[in-house]
Amino acid sequence: MPTIKEQKEIDFYKAKLAEEAEVLQNCQKQHRVKSCMLCKEVIGCATRKSYVNAVYQSMNKGKGGGFEF
C-alpha cells in the first residue's frame, strides 16, 4: 500500500496526464485530425512532446531517466 506521500505523487502524475491529454485532444480537434500522425505539424510539435513526456512521467512516477523519441 502506498504511503500518503506516494499517493499524492501518483495523484499528481495522473492529474498531469489527464491535463495533457485534454490539451492534445483539443489540438487534434483544432487541426481536424483524429491522430497526431495525420497532422502536418507532428514533427517538432510541442503539444505532442508534452503529452508524451506526461505519459512517460505517469509510468515511472518521476523516478526514471529521460525519454527521447
Protein backbone atom coordinates (compact mmCIF):
# COMPACT_ATOMS: atom_id res chain seq x y z
CA MET A 1 0.00 0.00 0.00
CA PRO A 2 1.44 3.40 -0.97
CA THR A 3 2.24 5.96 1.70
CA ILE A 4 0.35 9.26 1.75
CA LYS A 5 3.30 10.98 0.07
CA GLU A 6 3.47 8.29 -2.64
CA GLN A 7 -0.30 8.55 -3.19
CA LYS A 8 -0.02 12.32 -3.63
CA GLU A 9 2.72 11.78 -6.20
CA ILE A 10 0.58 9.23 -8.04
CA ASP A 11 -2.37 11.64 -8.00
CA PHE A 12 -0.14 14.46 -9.30
CA TYR A 13 1.04 12.39 -12.27
CA LYS A 14 -2.49 11.18 -13.05
CA ALA A 15 -3.77 14.76 -13.00
CA LYS A 16 -0.90 15.98 -15.17
CA LEU A 17 -1.53 13.20 -17.68
CA ALA A 18 -5.26 13.98 -17.81
CA GLU A 19 -4.49 17.67 -18.33
CA GLU A 20 -2.02 16.98 -21.14
CA ALA A 21 -4.44 14.52 -22.77
CA GLU A 22 -7.14 17.20 -22.84
CA VAL A 23 -4.74 19.72 -24.39
CA LEU A 24 -3.71 17.16 -27.02
CA GLN A 25 -7.31 16.25 -27.86
CA ASN A 26 -8.22 19.93 -28.21
CA CYS A 27 -5.26 20.40 -30.53
CA GLN A 28 -6.37 17.43 -32.65
CA LYS A 29 -9.88 18.88 -32.86
CA GLN A 30 -8.48 22.27 -33.84
CA HIS A 31 -6.43 20.67 -36.62
CA ARG A 32 -9.34 18.37 -37.56
CA VAL A 33 -7.37 15.14 -37.17
CA LYS A 34 -8.02 12.03 -35.09
CA SER A 35 -4.34 11.26 -34.66
CA CYS A 36 -1.20 13.35 -34.36
CA MET A 37 0.32 11.20 -37.09
CA LEU A 38 -2.18 12.70 -39.54
CA CYS A 39 -1.19 16.27 -38.67
CA LYS A 40 1.29 18.11 -40.87
CA GLU A 41 2.84 19.66 -37.73
CA VAL A 42 3.60 16.37 -35.96
CA ILE A 43 7.37 16.76 -36.35
CA GLY A 44 8.54 19.11 -33.62
CA CYS A 45 5.08 19.56 -32.10
CA ALA A 46 5.43 20.91 -28.56
CA THR A 47 1.91 19.77 -27.61
CA ARG A 48 2.60 16.17 -28.58
CA LYS A 49 6.01 16.20 -26.93
CA SER A 50 4.49 17.50 -23.70
CA TYR A 51 1.84 14.76 -23.80
CA VAL A 52 4.40 12.02 -24.45
CA ASN A 53 6.51 13.29 -21.57
CA ALA A 54 3.45 13.27 -19.28
CA VAL A 55 2.74 9.66 -20.30
CA TYR A 56 6.31 8.68 -19.51
CA GLN A 57 6.25 10.53 -16.17
CA SER A 58 2.96 8.85 -15.23
CA MET A 59 4.53 5.47 -15.98
CA ASN A 60 7.64 5.98 -13.85
CA LYS A 61 6.22 8.49 -11.35
CA GLY A 62 9.15 10.81 -11.93
CA LYS A 63 11.73 8.25 -10.84
CA GLY A 64 13.22 7.32 -14.22
CA GLY A 65 15.68 8.83 -16.60
CA GLY A 66 14.91 10.97 -19.59
CA PHE A 67 12.83 9.95 -22.54
CA GLU A 68 13.73 10.85 -26.09
CA PHE A 69 11.90 9.91 -29.25
